[in-house]
Amino acid sequence: MIALVDGNGILRAQYKRGLPDVDFVARDLGLIFDEVRNSAGAGGLVYEAAHLFACYATY
């Protein structure tokens, strides 16, 4: 198993079968970069609140 962990130690993705497809890893990295970019600046608080809601709204 290969894991993708961000700078805060949060597990972002797990690739369980052999080496992951490069396209999947690139997609996951792109999502993390987008999240970092969106959480900075004036809109950061709004983005973080929306992200928190989205994470817990499915439970």
PDB file of N, CA and C in Angstrom:
ATOM      1  N   MET A   1       0.845  -1.164   0.000  1.00  0.00           N
ATOM      2  CA  MET A   1       0.000   0.000   0.000  1.00  0.00           C
ATOM      3  C   MET A   1       0.898   1.236   0.000  1.00  0.00           C
ATOM      4  N   ILE A   2       0.487   2.248  -0.757  1.00  0.00           N
ATOM      5  CA  ILE A   2       1.168   3.543  -0.787  1.00  0.00           C
ATOM      6  C   ILE A   2       0.178   4.581  -0.289  1.00  0.00           C
ATOM      7  N   ALA A   3       0.662   5.501   0.549  1.00  0.00           N
ATOM      8  CA  ALA A   3      -0.195   6.538   1.113  1.00  0.00           C
ATOM      9  C   ALA A   3       0.302   7.914   0.694  1.00  0.00           C
ATOM     10  N   LEU A   4      -0.641   8.824   0.469  1.00  0.00           N
ATOM     11  CA  LEU A   4      -0.342  10.224   0.187  1.00  0.00           C
ATOM     12  C   LEU A   4      -0.738  11.011   1.428  1.00  0.00           C
ATOM     13  N   VAL A   5       0.264  11.614   2.097  1.00  0.00           N
ATOM     14  CA  VAL A   5       0.059  12.330   3.354  1.00  0.00           C
ATOM     15  C   VAL A   5       0.481  13.778   3.137  1.00  0.00           C
ATOM     16  N   ASP A   6      -0.341  14.729   3.610  1.00  0.00           N
ATOM     17  CA  ASP A   6       0.002  16.140   3.425  1.00  0.00           C
ATOM     18  C   ASP A   6       0.990  16.610   4.489  1.00  0.00           C
ATOM     19  N   GLY A   7       1.381  17.875   4.425  1.00  0.00           N
ATOM     20  CA  GLY A   7       2.369  18.435   5.332  1.00  0.00           C
ATOM     21  C   GLY A   7       1.937  18.474   6.777  1.00  0.00           C
ATOM     22  N   ASN A   8       0.639  18.360   7.033  1.00  0.00           N
ATOM     23  CA  ASN A   8       0.120  18.326   8.401  1.00  0.00           C
ATOM     24  C   ASN A   8      -0.030  16.912   8.936  1.00  0.00           C
ATOM     25  N   GLY A   9       0.381  15.931   8.147  1.00  0.00           N
ATOM     26  CA  GLY A   9       0.278  14.543   8.567  1.00  0.00           C
ATOM     27  C   GLY A   9      -1.087  13.922   8.343  1.00  0.00           C
ATOM     28  N   ILE A  10      -1.924  14.579   7.540  1.00  0.00           N
ATOM     29  CA  ILE A  10      -3.267  14.063   7.260  1.00  0.00           C
ATOM     30  C   ILE A  10      -3.209  13.137   6.049  1.00  0.00           C
ATOM     31  N   LEU A  11      -3.737  11.944   6.206  1.00  0.00           N
ATOM     32  CA  LEU A  11      -3.796  10.985   5.113  1.00  0.00           C
ATOM     33  C   LEU A  11      -4.768  11.491   4.063  1.00  0.00           C
ATOM     34  N   ARG A  12      -4.313  11.667   2.838  1.00  0.00           N
ATOM     35  CA  ARG A  12      -5.145  12.199   1.766  1.00  0.00           C
ATOM     36  C   ARG A  12      -5.590  11.142   0.776  1.00  0.00           C
ATOM     37  N   ALA A  13      -4.797  10.110   0.588  1.00  0.00           N
ATOM     38  CA  ALA A  13      -5.166   9.062  -0.363  1.00  0.00           C
ATOM     39  C   ALA A  13      -4.406   7.788  -0.012  1.00  0.00           C
ATOM     40  N   GLN A  14      -5.024   6.664  -0.340  1.00  0.00           N
ATOM     41  CA  GLN A  14      -4.384   5.366  -0.197  1.00  0.00           C
ATOM     42  C   GLN A  14      -4.496   4.646  -1.524  1.00  0.00           C
ATOM     43  N   TYR A  15      -3.399   4.085  -1.941  1.00  0.00           N
ATOM     44  CA  TYR A  15      -3.370   3.301  -3.176  1.00  0.00           C
ATOM     45  C   TYR A  15      -3.013   1.881  -2.748  1.00  0.00           C
ATOM     46  N   LYS A  16      -3.998   0.995  -2.785  1.00  0.00           N
ATOM     47  CA  LYS A  16      -3.862  -0.316  -2.150  1.00  0.00           C
ATOM     48  C   LYS A  16      -3.296  -1.417  -3.046  1.00  0.00           C
ATOM     49  N   ARG A  17      -3.354  -1.262  -4.340  1.00  0.00           N
ATOM     50  CA  ARG A  17      -2.945  -2.363  -5.222  1.00  0.00           C
ATOM     51  C   ARG A  17      -1.736  -1.967  -6.052  1.00  0.00           C
ATOM     52  N   GLY A  18      -0.581  -2.456  -5.694  1.00  0.00           N
ATOM     53  CA  GLY A  18       0.629  -2.213  -6.457  1.00  0.00           C
ATOM     54  C   GLY A  18       0.939  -0.735  -6.608  1.00  0.00           C
ATOM     55  N   LEU A  19       1.623  -0.398  -7.668  1.00  0.00           N
ATOM     56  CA  LEU A  19       1.937   1.001  -7.934  1.00  0.00           C
ATOM     57  C   LEU A  19       0.712   1.700  -8.505  1.00  0.00           C
ATOM     58  N   PRO A  20       0.399   2.891  -7.991  1.00  0.00           N
ATOM     59  CA  PRO A  20      -0.784   3.607  -8.485  1.00  0.00           C
ATOM     60  C   PRO A  20      -0.561   4.159  -9.881  1.00  0.00           C
ATOM     61  N   ASP A  21      -1.636   4.340 -10.593  1.00  0.00           N
ATOM     62  CA  ASP A  21      -1.603   4.969 -11.905  1.00  0.00           C
ATOM     63  C   ASP A  21      -1.163   6.422 -11.732  1.00  0.00           C
ATOM     64  N   VAL A  22      -0.233   6.857 -12.553  1.00  0.00           N
ATOM     65  CA  VAL A  22       0.300   8.219 -12.456  1.00  0.00           C
ATOM     66  C   VAL A  22      -0.814   9.256 -12.582  1.00  0.00           C
ATOM     67  N   ASP A  23      -1.819   8.992 -13.401  1.00  0.00           N
ATOM     68  CA  ASP A  23      -2.927   9.937 -13.571  1.00  0.00           C
ATOM     69  C   ASP A  23      -3.714  10.128 -12.280  1.00  0.00           C
ATOM     70  N   PHE A  24      -3.903   9.046 -11.527  1.00  0.00           N
ATOM     71  CA  PHE A  24      -4.624   9.150 -10.257  1.00  0.00           C
ATOM     72  C   PHE A  24      -3.822   9.967  -9.236  1.00  0.00           C
ATOM     73  N   VAL A  25      -2.524   9.722  -9.172  1.00  0.00           N
ATOM     74  CA  VAL A  25      -1.678  10.462  -8.235  1.00  0.00           C
ATOM     75  C   VAL A  25      -1.651  11.941  -8.623  1.00  0.00           C
ATOM     76  N   ALA A  26      -1.526  12.233  -9.915  1.00  0.00           N
ATOM     77  CA  ALA A  26      -1.522  13.628 -10.381  1.00  0.00           C
ATOM     78  C   ALA A  26      -2.839  14.315 -10.042  1.00  0.00           C
ATOM     79  N   ARG A  27      -3.952  13.598 -10.212  1.00  0.00           N
ATOM     80  CA  ARG A  27      -5.257  14.160  -9.863  1.00  0.00           C
ATOM     81  C   ARG A  27      -5.339  14.481  -8.383  1.00  0.00           C
ATOM     82  N   ASP A  28      -4.899  13.535  -7.539  1.00  0.00           N
ATOM     83  CA  ASP A  28      -4.950  13.738  -6.090  1.00  0.00           C
ATOM     84  C   ASP A  28      -4.053  14.895  -5.654  1.00  0.00           C
ATOM     85  N   LEU A  29      -2.863  14.988  -6.230  1.00  0.00           N
ATOM     86  CA  LEU A  29      -1.976  16.109  -5.912  1.00  0.00           C
ATOM     87  C   LEU A  29      -2.587  17.434  -6.356  1.00  0.00           C
ATOM     88  N   GLY A  30      -3.220  17.442  -7.517  1.00  0.00           N
ATOM     89  CA  GLY A  30      -3.891  18.642  -7.994  1.00  0.00           C
ATOM     90  C   GLY A  30      -4.994  19.088  -7.051  1.00  0.00           C
ATOM     91  N   LEU A  31      -5.748  18.143  -6.509  1.00  0.00           N
ATOM     92  CA  LEU A  31      -6.804  18.477  -5.553  1.00  0.00           C
ATOM     93  C   LEU A  31      -6.230  19.087  -4.278  1.00  0.00           C
ATOM     94  N   ILE A  32      -5.108  18.543  -3.822  1.00  0.00           N
ATOM     95  CA  ILE A  32      -4.472  19.089  -2.618  1.00  0.00           C
ATOM     96  C   ILE A  32      -3.949  20.494  -2.891  1.00  0.00           C
ATOM     97  N   PHE A  33      -3.303  20.701  -4.037  1.00  0.00           N
ATOM     98  CA  PHE A  33      -2.806  22.038  -4.381  1.00  0.00           C
ATOM     99  C   PHE A  33      -3.952  23.037  -4.494  1.00  0.00           C
ATOM    100  N   ASP A  34      -5.058  22.618  -5.090  1.00  0.00           N
ATOM    101  CA  ASP A  34      -6.229  23.502  -5.181  1.00  0.00           C
ATOM    102  C   ASP A  34      -6.740  23.870  -3.791  1.00  0.00           C
ATOM    103  N   GLU A  35      -6.762  22.894  -2.898  1.00  0.00           N
ATOM    104  CA  GLU A  35      -7.240  23.151  -1.543  1.00  0.00           C
ATOM    105  C   GLU A  35      -6.344  24.169  -0.838  1.00  0.00           C
ATOM    106  N   VAL A  36      -5.036  24.019  -0.987  1.00  0.00           N
ATOM    107  CA  VAL A  36      -4.105  24.967  -0.370  1.00  0.00           C
ATOM    108  C   VAL A  36      -4.307  26.358  -0.943  1.00  0.00           C
ATOM    109  N   ARG A  37      -4.426  26.447  -2.246  1.00  0.00           N
ATOM    110  CA  ARG A  37      -4.616  27.743  -2.916  1.00  0.00           C
ATOM    111  C   ARG A  37      -5.936  28.388  -2.481  1.00  0.00           C
ATOM    112  N   ASN A  38      -7.001  27.627  -2.390  1.00  0.00           N
ATOM    113  CA  ASN A  38      -8.316  28.162  -2.035  1.00  0.00           C
ATOM    114  C   ASN A  38      -8.431  28.528  -0.560  1.00  0.00           C
ATOM    115  N   SER A  39      -7.602  27.936   0.283  1.00  0.00           N
ATOM    116  CA  SER A  39      -7.726  28.200   1.715  1.00  0.00           C
ATOM    117  C   SER A  39      -6.884  29.391   2.162  1.00  0.00           C
ATOM    118  N   ALA A  40      -6.193  30.037   1.236  1.00  0.00           N
ATOM    119  CA  ALA A  40      -5.372  31.203   1.581  1.00  0.00           C
ATOM    120  C   ALA A  40      -6.072  32.486   1.129  1.00  0.00           C
ATOM    121  N   GLY A  41      -5.670  33.594   1.708  1.00  0.00           N
ATOM    122  CA  GLY A  41      -6.202  34.878   1.278  1.00  0.00           C
ATOM    123  C   GLY A  41      -7.535  35.213   1.918  1.00  0.00           C
ATOM    124  N   ALA A  42      -8.205  36.211   1.336  1.00  0.00           N
ATOM    125  CA  ALA A  42      -9.448  36.744   1.910  1.00  0.00           C
ATOM    126  C   ALA A  42     -10.563  35.707   1.959  1.00  0.00           C
ATOM    127  N   GLY A  43     -10.641  34.851   0.959  1.00  0.00           N
ATOM    128  CA  GLY A  43     -11.707  33.855   0.930  1.00  0.00           C
ATOM    129  C   GLY A  43     -11.400  32.602   1.714  1.00  0.00           C
ATOM    130  N   GLY A  44     -10.258  32.570   2.392  1.00  0.00           N
ATOM    131  CA  GLY A  44      -9.829  31.372   3.103  1.00  0.00           C
ATOM    132  C   GLY A  44     -10.795  30.895   4.164  1.00  0.00           C
ATOM    133  N   LEU A  45     -11.337  31.819   4.957  1.00  0.00           N
ATOM    134  CA  LEU A  45     -12.267  31.420   6.017  1.00  0.00           C
ATOM    135  C   LEU A  45     -13.550  30.837   5.441  1.00  0.00           C
ATOM    136  N   VAL A  46     -14.042  31.437   4.372  1.00  0.00           N
ATOM    137  CA  VAL A  46     -15.255  30.929   3.734  1.00  0.00           C
ATOM    138  C   VAL A  46     -14.991  29.545   3.149  1.00  0.00           C
ATOM    139  N   TYR A  47     -13.845  29.392   2.495  1.00  0.00           N
ATOM    140  CA  TYR A  47     -13.505  28.092   1.915  1.00  0.00           C
ATOM    141  C   TYR A  47     -13.385  27.037   3.013  1.00  0.00           C
ATOM    142  N   GLU A  48     -12.681  27.377   4.088  1.00  0.00           N
ATOM    143  CA  GLU A  48     -12.501  26.405   5.178  1.00  0.00           C
ATOM    144  C   GLU A  48     -13.833  26.020   5.806  1.00  0.00           C
ATOM    145  N   ALA A  49     -14.731  26.972   5.995  1.00  0.00           N
ATOM    146  CA  ALA A  49     -16.048  26.667   6.559  1.00  0.00           C
ATOM    147  C   ALA A  49     -16.838  25.754   5.624  1.00  0.00           C
ATOM    148  N   ALA A  50     -16.800  26.044   4.331  1.00  0.00           N
ATOM    149  CA  ALA A  50     -17.510  25.212   3.362  1.00  0.00           C
ATOM    150  C   ALA A  50     -16.909  23.812   3.314  1.00  0.00           C
ATOM    151  N   HIS A  51     -15.594  23.727   3.393  1.00  0.00           N
ATOM    152  CA  HIS A  51     -14.920  22.433   3.374  1.00  0.00           C
ATOM    153  C   HIS A  51     -15.288  21.617   4.609  1.00  0.00           C
ATOM    154  N   LEU A  52     -15.292  22.261   5.766  1.00  0.00           N
ATOM    155  CA  LEU A  52     -15.671  21.573   6.999  1.00  0.00           C
ATOM    156  C   LEU A  52     -17.105  21.059   6.913  1.00  0.00           C
ATOM    157  N   PHE A  53     -18.018  21.885   6.405  1.00  0.00           N
ATOM    158  CA  PHE A  53     -19.400  21.475   6.245  1.00  0.00           C
ATOM    159  C   PHE A  53     -19.510  20.283   5.286  1.00  0.00           C
ATOM    160  N   ALA A  54     -18.791  20.353   4.172  1.00  0.00           N
ATOM    161  CA  ALA A  54     -18.840  19.280   3.183  1.00  0.00           C
ATOM    162  C   ALA A  54     -18.305  17.978   3.746  1.00  0.00           C
ATOM    163  N   CYS A  55     -17.279  18.056   4.587  1.00  0.00           N
ATOM    164  CA  CYS A  55     -16.690  16.847   5.162  1.00  0.00           C
ATOM    165  C   CYS A  55     -17.631  16.137   6.128  1.00  0.00           C
ATOM    166  N   TYR A  56     -18.405  16.910   6.879  1.00  0.00           N
ATOM    167  CA  TYR A  56     -19.256  16.323   7.915  1.00  0.00           C
ATOM    168  C   TYR A  56     -20.737  16.262   7.536  1.00  0.00           C
ATOM    169  N   ALA A  57     -21.115  16.804   6.399  1.00  0.00           N
ATOM    170  CA  ALA A  57     -22.506  16.810   5.987  1.00  0.00           C
ATOM    171  C   ALA A  57     -22.988  15.420   5.560  1.00  0.00           C
ATOM    172  N   THR A  58     -22.068  14.543   5.196  1.00  0.00           N
ATOM    173  CA  THR A  58     -22.457  13.218   4.722  1.00  0.00           C
ATOM    174  C   THR A  58     -22.707  12.240   5.844  1.00  0.00           C
ATOM    175  N   TYR A  59     -22.402  12.606   7.088  1.00  0.00           N
ATOM    176  CA  TYR A  59     -22.589  11.681   8.207  1.00  0.00           C
ATOM    177  C   TYR A  59     -23.941  11.795   8.812  1.00  0.00           C
TER     178      TYR A  59
END
